[in-house]
C-alpha atoms as a PDB file:
ATOM      1  CA  MET A   1      92.953  58.562  85.619  1.00  0.00           C
ATOM      2  CA  ASN A   2      90.907  55.610  87.145  1.00  0.00           C
ATOM      3  CA  VAL A   3      92.654  52.848  88.649  1.00  0.00           C
ATOM      4  CA  ILE A   4      91.161  49.423  88.681  1.00  0.00           C
ATOM      5  CA  LEU A   5      92.897  46.331  90.127  1.00  0.00           C
ATOM      6  CA  ILE A   6      91.918  43.359  88.061  1.00  0.00           C
ATOM      7  CA  PRO A   7      91.507  40.108  90.002  1.00  0.00           C
ATOM      8  CA  PRO A   8      93.569  38.356  91.297  1.00  0.00           C
ATOM      9  CA  SER A   9      95.750  41.713  91.779  1.00  0.00           C
ATOM     10  CA  ASP A  10      93.394  42.850  94.507  1.00  0.00           C
ATOM     11  CA  LYS A  11      93.937  39.540  96.379  1.00  0.00           C
ATOM     12  CA  GLU A  12      97.731  39.712  95.874  1.00  0.00           C
ATOM     13  CA  LEU A  13      97.635  43.360  97.453  1.00  0.00           C
ATOM     14  CA  GLU A  14      95.669  41.968 100.515  1.00  0.00           C
ATOM     15  CA  GLU A  15      98.220  39.074 100.872  1.00  0.00           C
ATOM     16  CA  GLY A  16     101.170  41.390 100.773  1.00  0.00           C
ATOM     17  CA  ILE A  17      99.483  43.711 103.458  1.00  0.00           C
ATOM     18  CA  ASP A  18      98.903  40.600 105.660  1.00  0.00           C
ATOM     19  CA  TYR A  19     102.294  39.153 105.117  1.00  0.00           C
ATOM     20  CA  TYR A  20     103.963  42.513 106.408  1.00  0.00           C
ATOM     21  CA  ASP A  21     101.592  42.815 109.286  1.00  0.00           C
ATOM     22  CA  ASP A  22     102.656  39.472 110.232  1.00  0.00           C
ATOM     23  CA  GLN A  23     106.435  40.530 110.209  1.00  0.00           C
ATOM     24  CA  MET A  24     105.778  43.704 112.315  1.00  0.00           C
ATOM     25  CA  PRO A  25     102.821  45.635 113.336  1.00  0.00           C
ATOM     26  CA  GLY A  26     102.188  48.634 111.085  1.00  0.00           C
ATOM     27  CA  LEU A  27     104.525  47.385 108.279  1.00  0.00           C
ATOM     28  CA  GLY A  28     101.422  46.434 106.246  1.00  0.00           C
ATOM     29  CA  GLU A  29     100.148  49.711 106.265  1.00  0.00           C
ATOM     30  CA  GLN A  30     103.597  51.099 105.196  1.00  0.00           C
ATOM     31  CA  PHE A  31     103.374  48.424 102.309  1.00  0.00           C
ATOM     32  CA  TYR A  32      99.876  49.713 101.391  1.00  0.00           C
ATOM     33  CA  ASN A  33     101.185  53.440 101.539  1.00  0.00           C
ATOM     34  CA  ALA A  34     103.976  52.754  99.167  1.00  0.00           C
ATOM     35  CA  PHE A  35     101.840  50.752  96.715  1.00  0.00           C
ATOM     36  CA  LEU A  36      99.510  53.887  96.654  1.00  0.00           C
ATOM     37  CA  SER A  37     102.313  56.208  96.264  1.00  0.00           C
ATOM     38  CA  THR A  38     103.476  54.130  93.274  1.00  0.00           C
ATOM     39  CA  VAL A  39     100.167  54.051  91.861  1.00  0.00           C
ATOM     40  CA  ASN A  40      99.977  57.811  92.198  1.00  0.00           C
ATOM     41  CA  TYR A  41     103.224  58.116  90.183  1.00  0.00           C
ATOM     42  CA  ILE A  42     101.865  56.044  87.571  1.00  0.00           C
ATOM     43  CA  SER A  43      98.851  58.085  87.178  1.00  0.00           C
ATOM     44  CA  ILE A  44     100.840  61.264  86.687  1.00  0.00           C
ATOM     45  CA  ALA A  45     103.020  59.885  84.074  1.00  0.00           C
ATOM     46  CA  PRO A  46     101.554  56.545  82.877  1.00  0.00           C
ATOM     47  CA  GLU A  47     103.986  56.071  79.794  1.00  0.00           C
ATOM     48  CA  ALA A  48     106.970  56.693  81.891  1.00  0.00           C
ATOM     49  CA  TRP A  49     107.315  53.180  83.049  1.00  0.00           C
ATOM     50  CA  ARG A  50     109.194  50.237  81.361  1.00  0.00           C
ATOM     51  CA  LYS A  51     107.211  48.111  78.760  1.00  0.00           C
ATOM     52  CA  ILE A  52     107.665  44.495  79.370  1.00  0.00           C
ATOM     53  CA  GLY A  53     104.899  43.423  76.950  1.00  0.00           C
ATOM     54  CA  LYS A  54     103.077  44.899  73.952  1.00  0.00           C
ATOM     55  CA  ASN A  55     100.741  46.918  76.242  1.00  0.00           C
ATOM     56  CA  THR A  56     101.972  45.937  79.603  1.00  0.00           C
ATOM     57  CA  ARG A  57     104.217  48.240  81.869  1.00  0.00           C
ATOM     58  CA  ARG A  58     106.250  47.496  85.069  1.00  0.00           C
ATOM     59  CA  ALA A  59     106.704  49.857  87.974  1.00  0.00           C
ATOM     60  CA  ASN A  60     108.459  48.823  91.364  1.00  0.00           C
ATOM     61  CA  ILE A  61     106.788  49.668  94.716  1.00  0.00           C
ATOM     62  CA  MET A  62     109.343  51.693  96.402  1.00  0.00           C
ATOM     63  CA  ARG A  63     110.990  50.239  99.524  1.00  0.00           C
ATOM     64  CA  PHE A  64     109.507  46.741  99.130  1.00  0.00           C
ATOM     65  CA  PRO A  65     110.401  43.982  96.763  1.00  0.00           C
ATOM     66  CA  TYR A  66     107.212  44.074  94.748  1.00  0.00           C
ATOM     67  CA  LEU A  67     106.274  44.967  91.190  1.00  0.00           C
ATOM     68  CA  ILE A  68     103.069  46.397  89.727  1.00  0.00           C
ATOM     69  CA  LEU A  69     102.294  45.287  86.143  1.00  0.00           C
ATOM     70  CA  TYR A  70      99.541  47.489  84.599  1.00  0.00           C
ATOM     71  CA  VAL A  71      97.959  48.161  81.014  1.00  0.00           C
ATOM     72  CA  LEU A  72      96.603  51.573  79.929  1.00  0.00           C
ATOM     73  CA  ASP A  73      93.098  51.529  79.011  1.00  0.00           C
ATOM     74  CA  GLY A  74      91.699  54.692  77.784  1.00  0.00           C
ATOM     75  CA  ASP A  75      91.502  56.735  80.912  1.00  0.00           C
ATOM     76  CA  ASP A  76      92.014  53.628  83.075  1.00  0.00           C
ATOM     77  CA  ILE A  77      94.932  52.181  84.638  1.00  0.00           C
ATOM     78  CA  LEU A  78      94.236  48.465  84.968  1.00  0.00           C
ATOM     79  CA  ILE A  79      96.610  46.756  87.431  1.00  0.00           C
ATOM     80  CA  THR A  80      96.833  43.024  86.217  1.00  0.00           C
ATOM     81  CA  CYS A  81      99.527  41.803  88.834  1.00  0.00           C
ATOM     82  CA  ILE A  82     101.301  42.708  92.043  1.00  0.00           C
ATOM     83  CA  ALA A  83     104.133  40.296  92.469  1.00  0.00           C
ATOM     84  CA  HIS A  84     107.212  39.705  94.781  1.00  0.00           C
ATOM     85  CA  GLN A  85     110.124  40.221  92.647  1.00  0.00           C
ATOM     86  CA  HIS A  86     111.866  37.037  93.703  1.00  0.00           C
ATOM     87  CA  ARG A  87     109.036  34.999  92.350  1.00  0.00           C
ATOM     88  CA  ASN A  88     109.502  33.169  89.247  1.00  0.00           C
ATOM     89  CA  PRO A  89     108.102  35.276  86.435  1.00  0.00           C
ATOM     90  CA  THR A  90     106.205  32.458  85.174  1.00  0.00           C
ATOM     91  CA  TYR A  91     103.769  33.255  87.925  1.00  0.00           C
ATOM     92  CA  TYR A  92     102.613  36.303  86.058  1.00  0.00           C
ATOM     93  CA  SER A  93     103.625  35.849  82.559  1.00  0.00           C
ATOM     94  CA  ASP A  94      99.977  35.070  81.334  1.00  0.00           C
ATOM     95  CA  ARG A  95      99.033  38.368  82.471  1.00  0.00           C
ATOM     96  CA  ILE A  96     101.389  40.288  80.234  1.00  0.00           C
ATOM     97  CA  TYR A  97      99.609  41.635  77.390  1.00  0.00           C
END
């Protein structure tokens, strides 16, 4: 499966990496690796994660309080949002399909 970060999820990933790097050197890389690991699990079993909309699913990034929202589109996994779990859900509600 192809994984595609739909804007602004690509920016959200960069912001998360930068935030954790500011907190402690190397933590941003750990966040990125946890993101990649979660995406790998999604690609292995894309329909195993909880649905939060008609077509949108949600997966939690391990070790970090972030979630990934994604939609399956044929052989593609479209990541529509990477959000901190303590953010108000209205922040990403327009990206739930």
